[in-house]
C-alpha atoms as a PDB file:
ATOM      1  CA  MET A   1     -26.640   2.434   7.853  1.00  0.00           C
ATOM      2  CA  GLN A   2     -24.953  -0.491   9.572  1.00  0.00           C
ATOM      3  CA  THR A   3     -23.009   0.409  12.704  1.00  0.00           C
ATOM      4  CA  LEU A   4     -19.997  -1.250  14.286  1.00  0.00           C
ATOM      5  CA  ASP A   5     -20.586  -3.602  17.192  1.00  0.00           C
ATOM      6  CA  THR A   6     -18.321  -4.294  20.157  1.00  0.00           C
ATOM      7  CA  PHE A   7     -16.298  -6.975  18.371  1.00  0.00           C
ATOM      8  CA  ASP A   8     -15.628  -4.617  15.456  1.00  0.00           C
ATOM      9  CA  TRP A   9     -14.270  -1.937  17.793  1.00  0.00           C
ATOM     10  CA  ILE A  10     -12.105  -4.484  19.585  1.00  0.00           C
ATOM     11  CA  ALA A  11     -10.642  -5.636  16.242  1.00  0.00           C
ATOM     12  CA  ILE A  12      -9.933  -2.051  15.153  1.00  0.00           C
ATOM     13  CA  VAL A  13      -8.259  -1.135  18.444  1.00  0.00           C
ATOM     14  CA  PHE A  14      -6.236  -4.374  18.396  1.00  0.00           C
ATOM     15  CA  TYR A  15      -5.073  -3.624  14.857  1.00  0.00           C
ATOM     16  CA  PHE A  16      -3.873  -0.135  15.737  1.00  0.00           C
ATOM     17  CA  LEU A  17      -2.149  -1.410  18.866  1.00  0.00           C
ATOM     18  CA  ILE A  18      -0.202  -3.918  16.771  1.00  0.00           C
ATOM     19  CA  LEU A  19       0.754  -1.166  14.323  1.00  0.00           C
ATOM     20  CA  LEU A  20       1.868   1.018  17.218  1.00  0.00           C
ATOM     21  CA  GLY A  21       3.896  -1.820  18.682  1.00  0.00           C
ATOM     22  CA  ILE A  22       5.643  -2.484  15.372  1.00  0.00           C
ATOM     23  CA  ALA A  23       6.409   1.216  14.910  1.00  0.00           C
ATOM     24  CA  VAL A  24       7.834   1.557  18.421  1.00  0.00           C
ATOM     25  CA  TRP A  25       9.928  -1.599  18.027  1.00  0.00           C
ATOM     26  CA  VAL A  26      11.370  -0.429  14.712  1.00  0.00           C
ATOM     27  CA  ILE A  27      12.092   3.087  15.980  1.00  0.00           C
ATOM     28  CA  ARG A  28      13.996   1.691  18.984  1.00  0.00           C
ATOM     29  CA  LYS A  29      15.887  -0.781  16.803  1.00  0.00           C
ATOM     30  CA  LYS A  30      16.862   1.491  13.917  1.00  0.00           C
ATOM     31  CA  GLU A  31      20.415   2.712  13.439  1.00  0.00           C
ATOM     32  CA  ASP A  32      21.339   6.350  12.855  1.00  0.00           C
ATOM     33  CA  ASN A  33      22.586   6.115   9.286  1.00  0.00           C
ATOM     34  CA  THR A  34      21.158   6.732   5.833  1.00  0.00           C
ATOM     35  CA  GLU A  35      21.417   3.089   4.736  1.00  0.00           C
ATOM     36  CA  ASP A  36      19.160   1.943   7.589  1.00  0.00           C
ATOM     37  CA  TYR A  37      16.745   4.854   7.146  1.00  0.00           C
ATOM     38  CA  PHE A  38      16.259   4.577   3.371  1.00  0.00           C
ATOM     39  CA  LEU A  39      17.027   0.892   2.726  1.00  0.00           C
ATOM     40  CA  ALA A  40      16.139  -0.723   6.088  1.00  0.00           C
ATOM     41  CA  GLY A  41      19.779  -1.747   6.498  1.00  0.00           C
ATOM     42  CA  ARG A  42      19.573  -3.990   3.405  1.00  0.00           C
ATOM     43  CA  ASN A  43      18.781  -6.949   5.655  1.00  0.00           C
ATOM     44  CA  VAL A  44      15.003  -7.488   5.542  1.00  0.00           C
ATOM     45  CA  GLY A  45      13.782 -10.874   4.307  1.00  0.00           C
ATOM     46  CA  TRP A  46      12.219 -11.629   0.955  1.00  0.00           C
ATOM     47  CA  PHE A  47       8.742 -12.112   2.417  1.00  0.00           C
ATOM     48  CA  VAL A  48       8.815  -8.685   4.078  1.00  0.00           C
ATOM     49  CA  VAL A  49      10.002  -7.032   0.860  1.00  0.00           C
ATOM     50  CA  GLY A  50       7.366  -8.780  -1.242  1.00  0.00           C
ATOM     51  CA  ALA A  51       4.563  -8.068   1.222  1.00  0.00           C
ATOM     52  CA  SER A  52       5.600  -4.424   1.411  1.00  0.00           C
ATOM     53  CA  ILE A  53       5.534  -4.066  -2.369  1.00  0.00           C
ATOM     54  CA  PHE A  54       2.120  -5.748  -2.450  1.00  0.00           C
ATOM     55  CA  ALA A  55       0.692  -3.482   0.253  1.00  0.00           C
ATOM     56  CA  SER A  56       2.183  -0.412  -1.447  1.00  0.00           C
ATOM     57  CA  ASN A  57       0.245  -1.229  -4.622  1.00  0.00           C
ATOM     58  CA  ILE A  58      -2.975  -2.580  -3.090  1.00  0.00           C
ATOM     59  CA  GLY A  59      -4.815  -0.317  -0.679  1.00  0.00           C
ATOM     60  CA  SER A  60      -8.051   1.426   0.150  1.00  0.00           C
ATOM     61  CA  GLU A  61      -8.338   2.834  -3.365  1.00  0.00           C
ATOM     62  CA  HIS A  62      -8.668  -0.735  -4.671  1.00  0.00           C
ATOM     63  CA  VAL A  63     -11.262  -1.717  -2.100  1.00  0.00           C
ATOM     64  CA  VAL A  64     -13.331   1.417  -2.735  1.00  0.00           C
ATOM     65  CA  GLY A  65     -12.569   2.330  -6.356  1.00  0.00           C
ATOM     66  CA  LEU A  66     -11.529  -0.721  -8.352  1.00  0.00           C
ATOM     67  CA  ALA A  67     -14.165  -2.910  -6.753  1.00  0.00           C
ATOM     68  CA  GLY A  68     -16.855  -0.483  -7.881  1.00  0.00           C
ATOM     69  CA  ALA A  69     -15.314  -0.186 -11.352  1.00  0.00           C
ATOM     70  CA  GLY A  70     -15.178  -3.965 -11.667  1.00  0.00           C
ATOM     71  CA  ALA A  71     -18.800  -4.297 -10.578  1.00  0.00           C
ATOM     72  CA  SER A  72     -20.007  -1.730 -13.118  1.00  0.00           C
ATOM     73  CA  ASP A  73     -17.808  -2.723 -16.076  1.00  0.00           C
ATOM     74  CA  LYS A  74     -17.592  -6.486 -15.565  1.00  0.00           C
ATOM     75  CA  LEU A  75     -13.933  -7.492 -14.904  1.00  0.00           C
ATOM     76  CA  PRO A  76     -11.526  -5.123 -16.724  1.00  0.00           C
ATOM     77  CA  MET A  77      -9.666  -4.140 -13.552  1.00  0.00           C
ATOM     78  CA  LEU A  78      -9.006  -7.780 -12.724  1.00  0.00           C
ATOM     79  CA  ILE A  79      -7.317  -8.215 -16.107  1.00  0.00           C
ATOM     80  CA  TYR A  80      -5.232  -5.085 -15.470  1.00  0.00           C
ATOM     81  CA  GLU A  81      -3.968  -6.270 -12.071  1.00  0.00           C
ATOM     82  CA  ILE A  82      -3.068  -9.726 -13.385  1.00  0.00           C
ATOM     83  CA  HIS A  83      -0.250  -8.098 -15.375  1.00  0.00           C
ATOM     84  CA  ALA A  84       1.576  -7.101 -12.188  1.00  0.00           C
ATOM     85  CA  TRP A  85       4.105  -9.855 -13.001  1.00  0.00           C
ATOM     86  CA  ILE A  86       5.717  -7.336 -15.362  1.00  0.00           C
ATOM     87  CA  VAL A  87       6.936  -5.446 -12.296  1.00  0.00           C
ATOM     88  CA  LEU A  88       8.828  -8.547 -11.178  1.00  0.00           C
ATOM     89  CA  ILE A  89      10.521  -8.830 -14.565  1.00  0.00           C
ATOM     90  CA  LEU A  90      11.559  -5.171 -14.425  1.00  0.00           C
ATOM     91  CA  GLY A  91      12.972  -5.786 -10.942  1.00  0.00           C
ATOM     92  CA  TRP A  92      15.041  -8.758 -12.107  1.00  0.00           C
ATOM     93  CA  VAL A  93      16.369  -6.735 -15.053  1.00  0.00           C
ATOM     94  CA  PHE A  94      17.159  -3.401 -13.410  1.00  0.00           C
ATOM     95  CA  LEU A  95      17.791  -4.222  -9.747  1.00  0.00           C
ATOM     96  CA  PRO A  96      21.351  -5.560 -10.351  1.00  0.00           C
ATOM     97  CA  PHE A  97      22.360  -2.183 -11.867  1.00  0.00           C
ATOM     98  CA  TYR A  98      21.037  -0.294  -8.835  1.00  0.00           C
ATOM     99  CA  ALA A  99      22.627  -2.709  -6.353  1.00  0.00           C
ATOM    100  CA  ARG A 100      26.066  -2.462  -7.957  1.00  0.00           C
ATOM    101  CA  SER A 101      25.945   1.336  -8.060  1.00  0.00           C
ATOM    102  CA  GLY A 102      25.237   1.516  -4.313  1.00  0.00           C
ATOM    103  CA  VAL A 103      22.510   4.154  -4.667  1.00  0.00           C
ATOM    104  CA  PHE A 104      19.539   4.682  -2.354  1.00  0.00           C
ATOM    105  CA  THR A 105      17.064   6.208  -4.816  1.00  0.00           C
ATOM    106  CA  MET A 106      16.357   6.265  -8.550  1.00  0.00           C
ATOM    107  CA  PRO A 107      17.116  10.030  -8.863  1.00  0.00           C
ATOM    108  CA  GLU A 108      20.500   9.376  -7.246  1.00  0.00           C
ATOM    109  CA  PHE A 109      21.204   6.684  -9.855  1.00  0.00           C
ATOM    110  CA  LEU A 110      20.366   9.123 -12.668  1.00  0.00           C
ATOM    111  CA  GLU A 111      22.718  11.711 -11.178  1.00  0.00           C
ATOM    112  CA  LYS A 112      25.564   9.191 -11.168  1.00  0.00           C
ATOM    113  CA  ARG A 113      24.696   8.028 -14.661  1.00  0.00           C
ATOM    114  CA  PHE A 114      24.125  11.477 -16.213  1.00  0.00           C
ATOM    115  CA  ASP A 115      24.138  14.706 -14.164  1.00  0.00           C
ATOM    116  CA  ALA A 116      22.394  16.581 -11.351  1.00  0.00           C
ATOM    117  CA  ARG A 117      19.795  18.053 -13.714  1.00  0.00           C
ATOM    118  CA  SER A 118      18.335  14.646 -14.466  1.00  0.00           C
ATOM    119  CA  ARG A 119      18.083  13.950 -10.737  1.00  0.00           C
ATOM    120  CA  TRP A 120      16.126  17.147 -10.109  1.00  0.00           C
ATOM    121  CA  VAL A 121      13.822  16.586 -13.092  1.00  0.00           C
ATOM    122  CA  LEU A 122      12.905  13.049 -12.036  1.00  0.00           C
ATOM    123  CA  SER A 123      12.523  14.041  -8.360  1.00  0.00           C
ATOM    124  CA  ILE A 124      10.170  16.942  -9.067  1.00  0.00           C
ATOM    125  CA  PHE A 125       8.191  15.068 -11.730  1.00  0.00           C
ATOM    126  CA  SER A 126       7.836  11.979  -9.509  1.00  0.00           C
ATOM    127  CA  ILE A 127       6.658  13.986  -6.497  1.00  0.00           C
ATOM    128  CA  VAL A 128       4.055  15.923  -8.499  1.00  0.00           C
ATOM    129  CA  ALA A 129       2.836  12.846 -10.372  1.00  0.00           C
ATOM    130  CA  TYR A 130       2.695  10.712  -7.236  1.00  0.00           C
ATOM    131  CA  VAL A 131       0.702  13.324  -5.319  1.00  0.00           C
ATOM    132  CA  LEU A 132      -1.778  13.834  -8.161  1.00  0.00           C
ATOM    133  CA  THR A 133      -2.234  10.212  -9.240  1.00  0.00           C
ATOM    134  CA  LYS A 134      -1.543   8.083  -6.176  1.00  0.00           C
ATOM    135  CA  ILE A 135      -1.417   9.844  -2.815  1.00  0.00           C
ATOM    136  CA  SER A 136      -4.519  11.977  -3.393  1.00  0.00           C
ATOM    137  CA  VAL A 137      -6.563   8.955  -4.482  1.00  0.00           C
ATOM    138  CA  THR A 138      -5.289   6.837  -1.582  1.00  0.00           C
ATOM    139  CA  ILE A 139      -6.021   9.554   0.969  1.00  0.00           C
ATOM    140  CA  TYR A 140      -9.490  10.136  -0.451  1.00  0.00           C
ATOM    141  CA  ALA A 141     -10.352   6.434  -0.472  1.00  0.00           C
ATOM    142  CA  GLY A 142      -8.882   5.984   3.005  1.00  0.00           C
ATOM    143  CA  GLY A 143     -10.911   8.952   4.262  1.00  0.00           C
ATOM    144  CA  VAL A 144     -14.072   7.438   2.797  1.00  0.00           C
ATOM    145  CA  VAL A 145     -13.407   4.075   4.460  1.00  0.00           C
ATOM    146  CA  VAL A 146     -12.529   5.593   7.853  1.00  0.00           C
ATOM    147  CA  SER A 147     -15.499   7.967   7.711  1.00  0.00           C
ATOM    148  CA  ALA A 148     -17.897   5.135   6.850  1.00  0.00           C
ATOM    149  CA  LEU A 149     -16.532   2.761   9.490  1.00  0.00           C
ATOM    150  CA  LEU A 150     -16.111   5.151  12.382  1.00  0.00           C
ATOM    151  CA  GLY A 151     -18.913   7.565  11.537  1.00  0.00           C
ATOM    152  CA  ILE A 152     -16.659  10.622  11.649  1.00  0.00           C
ATOM    153  CA  ASP A 153     -16.158  13.566   9.301  1.00  0.00           C
ATOM    154  CA  PHE A 154     -14.397  12.749   6.028  1.00  0.00           C
ATOM    155  CA  TRP A 155     -11.651  15.341   6.449  1.00  0.00           C
ATOM    156  CA  THR A 156     -10.986  14.225  10.012  1.00  0.00           C
ATOM    157  CA  GLY A 157     -10.475  10.642   8.876  1.00  0.00           C
ATOM    158  CA  ALA A 158      -8.309  11.635   5.889  1.00  0.00           C
ATOM    159  CA  ILE A 159      -6.074  14.028   7.849  1.00  0.00           C
ATOM    160  CA  ALA A 160      -5.724  11.592  10.761  1.00  0.00           C
ATOM    161  CA  THR A 161      -4.635   8.858   8.326  1.00  0.00           C
ATOM    162  CA  VAL A 162      -1.984  11.135   6.796  1.00  0.00           C
ATOM    163  CA  ILE A 163      -0.657  12.288  10.167  1.00  0.00           C
ATOM    164  CA  LEU A 164      -0.424   8.798  11.692  1.00  0.00           C
ATOM    165  CA  THR A 165       1.281   7.364   8.604  1.00  0.00           C
ATOM    166  CA  GLY A 166       3.665  10.308   8.389  1.00  0.00           C
ATOM    167  CA  ILE A 167       4.709  10.042  12.044  1.00  0.00           C
ATOM    168  CA  TYR A 168       5.880   6.424  11.954  1.00  0.00           C
ATOM    169  CA  THR A 169       7.391   6.851   8.473  1.00  0.00           C
ATOM    170  CA  VAL A 170       9.486   9.876   9.446  1.00  0.00           C
ATOM    171  CA  LEU A 171      10.551   8.421  12.809  1.00  0.00           C
ATOM    172  CA  GLY A 172      11.159   4.842  11.684  1.00  0.00           C
ATOM    173  CA  GLY A 173      12.258   5.220   8.064  1.00  0.00           C
ATOM    174  CA  MET A 174      11.949   2.468   5.491  1.00  0.00           C
ATOM    175  CA  ARG A 175      12.123  -0.300   8.098  1.00  0.00           C
ATOM    176  CA  ALA A 176       8.952   1.003   9.770  1.00  0.00           C
ATOM    177  CA  VAL A 177       7.229   1.180   6.408  1.00  0.00           C
ATOM    178  CA  VAL A 178       8.063  -2.353   5.273  1.00  0.00           C
ATOM    179  CA  TYR A 179       7.146  -4.043   8.553  1.00  0.00           C
ATOM    180  CA  THR A 180       3.852  -2.227   9.000  1.00  0.00           C
ATOM    181  CA  GLU A 181       2.991  -2.891   5.357  1.00  0.00           C
ATOM    182  CA  THR A 182       3.748  -6.580   5.869  1.00  0.00           C
ATOM    183  CA  LEU A 183       1.014  -6.710   8.509  1.00  0.00           C
ATOM    184  CA  GLN A 184      -1.307  -4.793   6.212  1.00  0.00           C
ATOM    185  CA  ALA A 185      -0.581  -7.155   3.322  1.00  0.00           C
ATOM    186  CA  VAL A 186      -1.603 -10.171   5.399  1.00  0.00           C
ATOM    187  CA  LEU A 187      -4.807  -8.427   6.468  1.00  0.00           C
ATOM    188  CA  LEU A 188      -5.538  -7.356   2.886  1.00  0.00           C
ATOM    189  CA  VAL A 189      -5.237 -10.920   1.595  1.00  0.00           C
ATOM    190  CA  LEU A 190      -7.352 -12.372   4.388  1.00  0.00           C
ATOM    191  CA  GLY A 191      -9.936  -9.588   4.091  1.00  0.00           C
ATOM    192  CA  ALA A 192     -10.116  -9.975   0.307  1.00  0.00           C
ATOM    193  CA  ALA A 193     -10.649 -13.730   0.704  1.00  0.00           C
ATOM    194  CA  VAL A 194     -13.514 -13.132   3.134  1.00  0.00           C
ATOM    195  CA  LEU A 195     -15.058 -10.467   0.882  1.00  0.00           C
ATOM    196  CA  THR A 196     -14.771 -12.804  -2.124  1.00  0.00           C
ATOM    197  CA  TYR A 197     -16.520 -15.589  -0.258  1.00  0.00           C
ATOM    198  CA  LEU A 198     -19.310 -13.325   0.987  1.00  0.00           C
ATOM    199  CA  GLY A 199     -19.709 -11.707  -2.432  1.00  0.00           C
ATOM    200  CA  LEU A 200     -19.994 -15.036  -4.226  1.00  0.00           C
ATOM    201  CA  GLU A 201     -22.510 -16.173  -1.645  1.00  0.00           C
ATOM    202  CA  LYS A 202     -24.628 -13.056  -2.240  1.00  0.00           C
ATOM    203  CA  VAL A 203     -24.704 -13.476  -6.051  1.00  0.00           C
ATOM    204  CA  GLY A 204     -25.529 -17.183  -5.878  1.00  0.00           C
ATOM    205  CA  GLY A 205     -22.102 -18.781  -6.293  1.00  0.00           C
ATOM    206  CA  TRP A 206     -19.421 -18.963  -8.979  1.00  0.00           C
ATOM    207  CA  GLY A 207     -21.766 -20.321 -11.647  1.00  0.00           C
ATOM    208  CA  SER A 208     -24.150 -17.409 -11.201  1.00  0.00           C
ATOM    209  CA  LEU A 209     -21.228 -14.940 -11.415  1.00  0.00           C
ATOM    210  CA  VAL A 210     -20.034 -16.478 -14.694  1.00  0.00           C
ATOM    211  CA  GLU A 211     -23.510 -16.197 -16.170  1.00  0.00           C
ATOM    212  CA  THR A 212     -23.754 -12.567 -15.076  1.00  0.00           C
ATOM    213  CA  VAL A 213     -20.474 -11.415 -16.663  1.00  0.00           C
ATOM    214  CA  LYS A 214     -20.953 -13.235 -19.937  1.00  0.00           C
ATOM    215  CA  PRO A 215     -21.197 -10.792 -22.894  1.00  0.00           C
END
């Protein structure tokens, strides 16, 4: 098993210090109102919004799970992720309705459009579905990564990840989430580029990869 060297530990500590600095800066800057807490004051830039959406969708479960699925079943997951442009189309179509209604959340929009029952149904269904299909997978994959990198117990890594994320999310609100995820998005893109280069080098280059995945 390969262990982390001094440079690796320095990079990890530096990363967490930057995250801590961003969280502290956002917490000190935030205003005490619901618009700032849930919508980051409606004044974050397009790059921050886009990077946050990207980092919300791409995470440890992709690095651990989808990479393995792609390696075993050729490239089906790549084809699936390419269709993420549909999300942008949905945003362009539906976002104007939400903006004009002045709501903070989708359940709130349904309550204004229909009644309180629809708000409760969507809220409960979304929470249960998100925990079972997204959060649990993300926590598990994150625990695997942290356990493998730091050499600690899986549950320790998973619980620590949840607690740290929960602290800056609760204290800083949406603004803390979008700015920390912007940093994570940049690191994800750079890390993926490095992994792609190293992976292609290991398999003998792009030509060798094409020959391997041919039916």
